[in-house]
Amino acid sequence: MKKRKSLLTLLALSLTLVMILAGCAGNTKAANDDIGKTRTANDLEITLVNVEMKDSNDDNKQMVKIDFSVKNTGKEESGAGAGDFIIKTKDGKKYQVYGLNANNFGDVIPAGKTLKGSGYYEIPTNQKVFTVLYEPFTEVAMDKVAWEITIPIK
């Protein structure tokens, strides 16, 4: 009876350990990552919903696909698009939207509405940490916000 109880306890502990390890392995988001965080600038609530790394046609580069959600909290329509964002790598270099991708988002957002879409950016393959900057091109002074991204290790 004592052996059976010990065996059941050992089995329960083993299952618990396996579940904990499986949970850790499935969590590839870095602790200091800003994915899912909302920043506000110029009556827009901007959220980086997801970041995915894709292959590029250039072996020395990787494609970053960023899914955005942009809500217009202002009283007038506003615009937003993938071209309003740039990627700044740790070495200080900035990378604009990859213009050859027809799936880059951009549109006018009526007051109170949300625009969702993706932006594509090509950066060097050796970059694993970068900053996404909201820097719209305009002559009017605009708020600037940033998100720190750490690429999960595969």
Protein backbone atom coordinates (compact mmCIF):
# COMPACT_ATOMS: atom_id res chain seq x y z
CA MET A 1 0.00 0.00 0.00
CA LYS A 2 2.84 2.35 0.89
CA LYS A 3 4.58 1.61 -2.44
CA ARG A 4 1.40 2.33 -4.38
CA LYS A 5 0.89 5.66 -2.58
CA SER A 6 4.52 6.63 -3.25
CA LEU A 7 4.17 5.66 -6.90
CA LEU A 8 0.99 7.76 -7.28
CA THR A 9 2.69 10.73 -5.60
CA LEU A 10 5.70 10.37 -7.91
CA LEU A 11 3.42 10.17 -10.94
CA ALA A 12 1.50 13.29 -9.87
CA LEU A 13 4.73 15.23 -9.32
CA SER A 14 6.07 14.10 -12.70
CA LEU A 15 2.91 15.23 -14.49
CA THR A 16 3.04 18.59 -12.71
CA LEU A 17 6.67 19.07 -13.73
CA VAL A 18 5.89 18.17 -17.37
CA MET A 19 2.99 20.66 -17.45
CA ILE A 20 5.18 23.43 -16.02
CA LEU A 21 7.97 22.75 -18.52
CA ALA A 22 5.50 22.61 -21.42
CA GLY A 23 4.07 25.95 -20.33
CA CYS A 24 7.52 27.53 -20.22
CA ALA A 25 8.47 26.13 -23.61
CA GLY A 26 5.30 27.50 -25.20
CA ASN A 27 5.92 30.97 -23.82
CA THR A 28 8.35 32.47 -26.35
CA LYS A 29 7.55 36.10 -25.53
CA ALA A 30 10.40 37.84 -23.77
CA ALA A 31 9.72 39.36 -20.36
CA ASN A 32 10.84 42.82 -21.48
CA ASP A 33 8.90 42.72 -24.74
CA ASP A 34 6.32 45.40 -25.63
CA ILE A 35 4.20 43.21 -27.91
CA GLY A 36 0.56 43.71 -26.96
CA LYS A 37 1.20 47.06 -25.27
CA THR A 38 -0.73 50.16 -26.31
CA ARG A 39 0.86 53.57 -26.75
CA THR A 40 -1.09 56.79 -27.36
CA ALA A 41 -0.02 59.50 -29.79
CA ASN A 42 -2.04 62.23 -31.52
CA ASP A 43 -5.47 60.82 -30.58
CA LEU A 44 -4.45 57.34 -31.76
CA GLU A 45 -4.22 54.30 -29.49
CA ILE A 46 -1.63 52.13 -31.22
CA THR A 47 -1.07 48.51 -30.25
CA LEU A 48 1.57 46.17 -31.64
CA VAL A 49 -0.57 43.04 -31.64
CA ASN A 50 2.00 40.56 -32.93
CA VAL A 51 5.50 40.36 -34.40
CA GLU A 52 6.59 37.53 -36.71
CA MET A 53 9.89 36.88 -38.41
CA LYS A 54 9.66 35.81 -42.05
CA ASP A 55 12.25 34.76 -44.59
CA SER A 56 13.56 37.37 -46.98
CA ASN A 57 14.77 36.97 -50.56
CA ASP A 58 18.14 38.25 -49.30
CA ASP A 59 20.08 35.71 -47.17
CA ASN A 60 21.56 38.55 -45.08
CA LYS A 61 18.16 39.95 -44.17
CA GLN A 62 14.97 38.89 -42.43
CA MET A 63 11.46 40.21 -42.91
CA VAL A 64 9.64 41.50 -39.84
CA LYS A 65 5.84 41.37 -40.05
CA ILE A 66 4.17 43.55 -37.43
CA ASP A 67 0.41 43.42 -36.84
CA PHE A 68 -1.00 46.76 -35.71
CA SER A 69 -4.29 47.90 -34.22
CA VAL A 70 -4.85 51.67 -34.40
CA LYS A 71 -7.90 53.24 -32.74
CA ASN A 72 -8.82 56.85 -33.47
CA THR A 73 -9.89 58.35 -30.12
CA GLY A 74 -10.17 61.86 -31.58
CA LYS A 75 -13.20 63.78 -32.81
CA GLU A 76 -12.02 63.96 -36.43
CA GLU A 77 -10.85 61.34 -38.90
CA SER A 78 -7.17 60.54 -38.92
CA GLY A 79 -4.85 58.40 -40.98
CA ALA A 80 -2.32 55.71 -40.16
CA GLY A 81 -0.28 53.21 -42.08
CA ALA A 82 2.79 51.01 -42.11
CA GLY A 83 4.86 53.91 -43.46
CA ASP A 84 4.32 55.80 -40.17
CA PHE A 85 6.51 53.25 -38.37
CA ILE A 86 10.20 52.49 -38.64
CA ILE A 87 12.48 49.94 -37.03
CA LYS A 88 15.61 51.09 -35.23
CA THR A 89 18.15 48.36 -34.56
CA LYS A 90 20.65 48.23 -31.69
CA ASP A 91 23.39 49.62 -33.94
CA GLY A 92 21.31 52.81 -34.39
CA LYS A 93 20.32 52.17 -38.02
CA LYS A 94 16.73 52.85 -39.07
CA TYR A 95 14.71 50.76 -41.53
CA GLN A 96 11.65 52.06 -43.35
CA VAL A 97 8.64 50.01 -44.39
CA TYR A 98 9.43 47.44 -47.09
CA GLY A 99 7.59 49.12 -49.96
CA LEU A 100 7.60 46.13 -52.29
CA ASN A 101 5.06 44.29 -50.11
CA ALA A 102 1.54 45.03 -51.31
CA ASN A 103 0.07 43.90 -47.96
CA ASN A 104 1.30 46.93 -45.97
CA PHE A 105 -1.66 48.57 -44.24
CA GLY A 106 -2.79 52.17 -44.39
CA ASP A 107 -6.08 54.06 -44.49
CA VAL A 108 -8.15 56.87 -43.07
CA ILE A 109 -9.67 56.05 -39.66
CA PRO A 110 -13.02 57.67 -38.81
CA ALA A 111 -13.41 59.04 -35.27
CA GLY A 112 -14.00 56.23 -32.77
CA LYS A 113 -13.08 53.46 -35.24
CA THR A 114 -10.16 51.03 -35.33
CA LEU A 115 -7.89 50.10 -38.23
CA LYS A 116 -6.06 46.76 -38.15
CA GLY A 117 -3.32 45.68 -40.51
CA SER A 118 0.26 44.58 -40.99
CA GLY A 119 3.50 46.31 -41.86
CA TYR A 120 6.54 44.61 -43.36
CA TYR A 121 10.13 45.71 -42.63
CA GLU A 122 13.40 44.17 -43.82
CA ILE A 123 16.29 44.18 -41.32
CA PRO A 124 19.67 42.38 -41.06
CA THR A 125 19.48 38.76 -39.87
CA ASN A 126 21.80 39.38 -36.92
CA GLN A 127 19.35 41.78 -35.23
CA LYS A 128 17.45 40.10 -32.40
CA VAL A 129 16.42 43.19 -30.43
CA PHE A 130 14.97 46.32 -32.01
CA THR A 131 12.71 49.31 -31.40
CA VAL A 132 9.55 50.09 -33.36
CA LEU A 133 9.13 53.85 -33.64
CA TYR A 134 5.97 55.76 -34.57
CA GLU A 135 7.32 58.62 -36.66
CA PRO A 136 4.70 59.77 -39.17
CA PHE A 137 5.95 62.01 -41.96
CA THR A 138 4.16 65.32 -41.51
CA GLU A 139 4.94 69.00 -41.17
CA VAL A 140 2.72 69.23 -38.09
CA ALA A 141 4.34 68.35 -34.74
CA MET A 142 3.42 64.77 -33.85
CA ASP A 143 3.85 62.72 -30.70
CA LYS A 144 6.44 59.97 -31.01
CA VAL A 145 6.20 56.66 -29.20
CA ALA A 146 8.27 53.46 -29.19
CA TRP A 147 8.04 49.75 -28.45
CA GLU A 148 10.99 47.52 -27.51
CA ILE A 149 10.89 44.13 -29.24
CA THR A 150 12.98 41.03 -28.54
CA ILE A 151 12.80 38.33 -31.19
CA PRO A 152 12.03 34.97 -29.55
CA ILE A 153 14.71 32.32 -29.89
CA LYS A 154 13.47 29.46 -32.06
